[in-house]
Protein backbone atom coordinates (compact mmCIF):
# COMPACT_ATOMS: atom_id res chain seq x y z
CA MET A 1 -9.17 30.88 164.07
CA GLY A 2 -9.88 33.59 166.41
CA TYR A 3 -13.80 32.84 167.56
CA GLY A 4 -14.65 30.51 165.40
CA LEU A 5 -14.37 27.73 168.12
CA PRO A 6 -16.63 29.75 170.27
CA ILE A 7 -19.34 30.66 168.07
CA VAL A 8 -19.58 27.28 167.50
CA THR A 9 -19.72 26.26 170.55
CA LEU A 10 -22.32 28.67 171.66
CA VAL A 11 -24.11 27.32 168.13
CA MET A 12 -23.77 23.66 169.76
CA PHE A 13 -25.40 25.30 172.87
CA ALA A 14 -28.36 26.49 171.15
CA SER A 15 -28.74 23.56 168.87
CA ALA A 16 -29.64 21.52 171.40
CA THR A 17 -31.82 23.71 173.54
CA GLY A 18 -33.92 23.69 169.95
CA VAL A 19 -32.87 26.42 168.76
CA PRO A 20 -32.97 26.17 164.65
CA THR A 21 -29.51 26.68 163.57
CA GLY A 22 -29.96 26.77 159.88
CA VAL A 23 -27.08 24.88 159.05
CA PRO A 24 -27.18 21.09 160.47
CA VAL A 25 -24.84 20.48 163.35
CA LYS A 26 -23.09 17.51 161.85
CA LEU A 27 -22.27 19.76 158.84
CA ILE A 28 -20.83 22.33 161.29
CA MET A 29 -18.94 19.55 162.75
CA LEU A 30 -17.40 18.16 159.84
CA PHE A 31 -15.81 22.14 158.70
CA THR A 32 -14.55 22.60 162.13
CA GLY A 33 -13.20 19.78 162.01
CA ALA A 34 -11.37 20.23 158.60
CA TYR A 35 -10.76 23.96 159.34
CA LEU A 36 -10.74 25.21 163.10
CA VAL A 37 -8.70 21.49 164.69
CA SER A 38 -4.83 22.05 163.92
CA SER A 39 -3.77 19.42 165.44
CA TRP A 40 -4.39 15.58 166.82
CA GLN A 41 -3.85 17.09 170.36
CA MET A 42 -6.48 19.86 169.98
CA LEU A 43 -8.89 16.87 168.90
CA ALA A 44 -9.73 15.91 172.03
CA PRO A 45 -10.09 18.80 173.95
CA VAL A 46 -12.21 20.89 171.18
CA ILE A 47 -14.72 16.64 171.24
CA LEU A 48 -15.18 17.05 174.75
CA VAL A 49 -15.82 20.68 174.67
CA MET A 50 -18.75 20.43 171.85
CA ALA A 51 -19.67 17.52 173.81
CA VAL A 52 -20.53 19.44 177.12
CA ALA A 53 -21.76 22.19 175.34
CA GLU A 54 -24.07 19.39 173.65
CA LEU A 55 -24.86 18.02 177.13
CA GLY A 56 -25.82 21.60 178.60
CA GLY A 57 -28.29 22.05 175.74
CA THR A 58 -30.41 19.65 175.95
CA LEU A 59 -30.10 19.68 180.10
CA VAL A 60 -31.58 23.42 179.32
CA LEU A 61 -34.38 21.36 177.98
CA TYR A 62 -34.76 18.84 179.96
CA THR A 63 -35.46 20.96 182.37
CA VAL A 64 -38.18 22.89 180.52
CA ALA A 65 -39.74 19.50 179.93
CA ARG A 66 -39.57 18.80 183.42
CA THR A 67 -40.82 21.48 185.49
CA GLY A 68 -43.63 21.74 183.09
CA GLY A 69 -42.76 24.34 180.73
CA VAL A 70 -45.63 22.88 178.27
CA LYS A 71 -46.79 25.56 176.13
CA VAL A 72 -43.27 26.29 174.84
CA LEU A 73 -42.58 22.28 174.83
CA ALA A 74 -46.01 22.68 172.24
CA ARG A 75 -44.08 24.50 169.88
CA ILE A 76 -40.00 22.15 169.78
CA ALA A 77 -41.91 19.08 169.73
CA SER A 78 -45.53 19.83 168.12
CA ASP A 79 -47.19 16.25 167.34
CA ARG A 80 -44.01 14.40 168.10
CA GLN A 81 -44.40 13.98 171.35
CA ALA A 82 -46.90 11.21 171.61
CA ARG A 83 -44.60 9.17 169.05
CA VAL A 84 -41.48 10.29 170.63
CA GLN A 85 -42.66 8.84 174.30
CA ALA A 86 -43.97 5.56 172.53
CA SER A 87 -40.66 5.14 170.81
CA PHE A 88 -38.43 5.59 173.92
CA ALA A 89 -41.13 3.13 175.84
CA GLN A 90 -40.59 0.83 173.12
CA TRP A 91 -36.78 1.17 173.13
CA GLN A 92 -36.89 0.88 176.70
CA ARG A 93 -38.18 -2.70 176.48
CA ARG A 94 -35.80 -3.55 173.38
CA LEU A 95 -32.93 -2.77 175.70
CA GLY A 96 -34.32 -4.47 179.21
CA GLY A 97 -35.97 -1.20 180.17
CA ARG A 98 -32.34 -0.09 180.78
CA ASP A 99 -33.21 3.95 180.49
CA VAL A 100 -29.41 5.30 180.00
CA ALA A 101 -29.19 3.46 176.73
CA ALA A 102 -32.91 4.02 175.22
CA ASN A 103 -31.88 7.87 175.78
CA ALA A 104 -28.49 7.26 174.09
CA VAL A 105 -29.34 5.54 171.48
CA LEU A 106 -32.44 7.57 170.72
CA ARG A 107 -30.40 10.57 171.36
CA LEU A 108 -27.86 9.64 168.25
CA ILE A 109 -31.41 9.39 165.78
CA PRO A 110 -31.86 12.75 163.91
CA PHE A 111 -35.58 13.32 163.92
CA VAL A 112 -36.06 12.07 167.16
CA ARG A 113 -33.82 13.26 169.13
CA MET A 114 -35.04 16.51 170.50
CA GLY A 115 -38.04 14.95 171.08
CA THR A 116 -36.62 12.67 172.91
CA THR A 117 -34.82 15.36 175.39
CA VAL A 118 -38.75 16.71 175.19
CA GLY A 119 -40.39 13.34 176.53
CA ALA A 120 -37.84 12.58 178.88
CA GLY A 121 -38.52 15.13 180.83
CA LEU A 122 -42.13 14.92 180.58
CA VAL A 123 -42.22 11.28 181.50
CA GLY A 124 -39.92 12.11 184.43
CA LEU A 125 -36.49 10.45 183.78
CA LYS A 126 -34.15 10.05 186.19
CA LEU A 127 -31.87 13.08 186.03
CA ARG A 128 -28.40 10.58 186.75
CA ASP A 129 -30.18 8.49 183.83
CA PHE A 130 -30.96 11.30 181.73
CA VAL A 131 -26.83 12.86 182.29
CA PHE A 132 -25.59 9.82 181.19
CA GLY A 133 -27.59 8.56 178.06
CA SER A 134 -27.29 11.93 176.96
CA ALA A 135 -23.64 12.28 177.44
CA ILE A 136 -22.98 9.45 175.49
CA ALA A 137 -24.58 10.37 172.64
CA ALA A 138 -23.43 13.93 172.47
CA LEU A 139 -19.78 11.88 173.08
CA ILE A 140 -20.78 10.45 169.61
CA TRP A 141 -22.53 13.01 168.20
CA ALA A 142 -20.27 16.09 168.10
CA GLY A 143 -16.61 13.12 167.99
CA VAL A 144 -17.79 11.46 164.93
CA PRO A 145 -17.78 14.55 162.32
CA LEU A 146 -15.29 16.42 164.32
CA LEU A 147 -12.66 13.15 163.44
CA LEU A 148 -13.91 13.06 159.96
CA GLY A 149 -13.36 16.55 159.30
CA TYR A 150 -10.27 16.41 160.93
CA VAL A 151 -8.82 13.04 159.35
CA PHE A 152 -10.67 13.57 155.43
CA ARG A 153 -10.41 17.15 155.51
CA ALA A 154 -8.78 16.57 151.92
CA ASN A 155 -11.75 15.12 150.89
CA LEU A 156 -14.31 16.73 152.62
CA SER A 157 -17.07 16.88 149.82
CA ASP A 158 -16.35 13.04 149.26
CA VAL A 159 -17.33 12.83 153.68
CA GLU A 160 -20.39 14.61 153.65
CA ALA A 161 -21.55 12.88 151.22
CA ALA A 162 -20.89 9.68 153.56
CA TYR A 163 -22.10 11.03 156.16
CA HIS A 164 -25.57 12.32 154.47
CA ALA A 165 -25.81 8.20 153.66
CA ALA A 166 -25.05 6.85 156.97
CA MET A 167 -27.19 9.22 158.93
CA ALA A 168 -29.84 8.91 156.71
CA ALA A 169 -29.21 4.88 157.01
CA LEU A 170 -28.88 5.40 160.98
CA PRO A 171 -32.45 4.55 161.98
CA MET A 172 -33.25 1.59 160.24
CA THR A 173 -29.71 0.06 161.36
CA LEU A 174 -30.97 1.01 164.58
CA ALA A 175 -34.06 -1.02 164.05
CA PHE A 176 -32.70 -4.18 163.01
CA LEU A 177 -30.40 -3.87 166.06
CA GLY A 178 -33.43 -3.54 168.27
CA LEU A 179 -34.66 -6.45 166.09
CA ALA A 180 -31.62 -8.56 166.96
CA ILE A 181 -31.92 -7.86 170.39
CA CYS A 182 -35.39 -8.86 170.72
CA ALA A 183 -34.56 -11.93 168.79
CA LEU A 184 -31.86 -12.82 171.01
CA VAL A 185 -33.41 -12.04 174.25
CA LEU A 186 -37.02 -14.17 173.07
CA PHE A 187 -34.72 -17.46 172.15
CA ARG A 188 -32.66 -17.20 175.25
CA SER A 189 -36.31 -17.03 177.05
CA PRO A 190 -36.92 -21.40 178.47
CA ALA A 191 -40.70 -20.18 177.55
CA THR A 192 -39.57 -19.28 174.90
CA ARG A 193 -37.55 -22.46 173.47
CA LEU A 194 -40.42 -24.55 175.16
CA ARG A 195 -43.05 -23.18 172.65
CA MET A 196 -40.90 -23.02 169.61
CA ARG A 197 -40.34 -27.29 170.44
CA THR A 198 -43.96 -27.52 170.62
CA ALA A 199 -44.72 -26.63 167.57
CA LEU A 200 -42.16 -28.36 165.64
CA ARG A 201 -43.31 -31.71 167.34
CA ILE A 202 -47.25 -30.64 166.26
CA SER A 203 -45.05 -29.21 162.78
């Protein structure tokens, strides 16, 4: 195994700070689970270490955003900052104003996770809420591909294809989930039920 795991840990940390790695981190985690994790007993500590590395890099980027590194952030997030902040506010509303849940959900969406960190720092999200949400996301982000790589090491190419398909479908799945939550919240509202009954009587 040699220096494999320390190198992967550094790559995980660098990726979370916004440094391009050249290879998608999810693939690195898949191969790490398949070739560097030798037992079930080793799997849990490796997931924890990778999640801590992911969280550490995320906190570095959040701190830069929070303390006003505007020029650096403009390069990292480019024109996505406004969209990410709007998405964060939208998910906050869908999840009942829960910052931790909104941050955790957005940190699991590949194309907006980096911008979410930047946006959270720029809008001044509380450090405690950011850490809790990012920790949940980091465990899932690192744990799922590591677990899949370890369990299906004999069929890694099939797992890789299935993982790509699942990640491509994730934004749509989360959007439908958000709509379902909104519908449930609205339906449970007495004012909404009253309006629905009124509309049915009129029709």
